[in-house]
């Protein structure tokens, strides 16, 4: 019970931080990550809030899991429903960074927070995000993970740019930095099952040691 509570706390903290990271990077105006270029482009072209489109696209991506036979966890559903809400909340709360130094600080902080948040919600072990699951589901069909991820992200990036989403140096910096950050934070924040003591189990299987024979 305590372990599950810890997983849930880490999951929802991670999703909140992920929304904060998105909001910081978007507010910087220096370029979004590929999926958020797409979400922003949809918001600018068709209305609704930026976060609403994160939720809508997350739900549509989860529908694509069905033919891929992917099973969502509570973390998957929570990711789809809450990241967009947190992003909208933080976009409302954050000040507008006018100065160039402030914009760069927002960008760097947003990418760093996003890497930490990725470690939190994946490390909780309660299911991947909708977009991560789409990538792994396609890769499980015999395709290279690298090729699948690159193809998906280039596709949404191109679509988002055509719709009016912001592409810039932040987009490139995110692409370069997020892999190494996730490589550090996912193992660091992974919640593992407690190790079981092998000695009592071995004793139960073999029984008590025999008394030494008296001379």
Foldseek 3Di string as FASTA:
>chain_A
DVLLVLLVVLLVVLLLLLLLLQLLLVLLLAFGALLLLLLVLCCVQPNDDSLVSQLVVQVVLLVVVVVLVDDFFPSQNCNSPPSSVSNVVNNVVDDRDDDNVSSVVSLVSSLLSNLLSQLRNVLSVGGDYSVVSSLVSVVVVPDDSVVSVVVVSVVSNVNSVVSPGRHHPSNVVSVVPNVVSNVPRNVVSHDDDDDDDVVVVVCVVVPDDDDDDDD
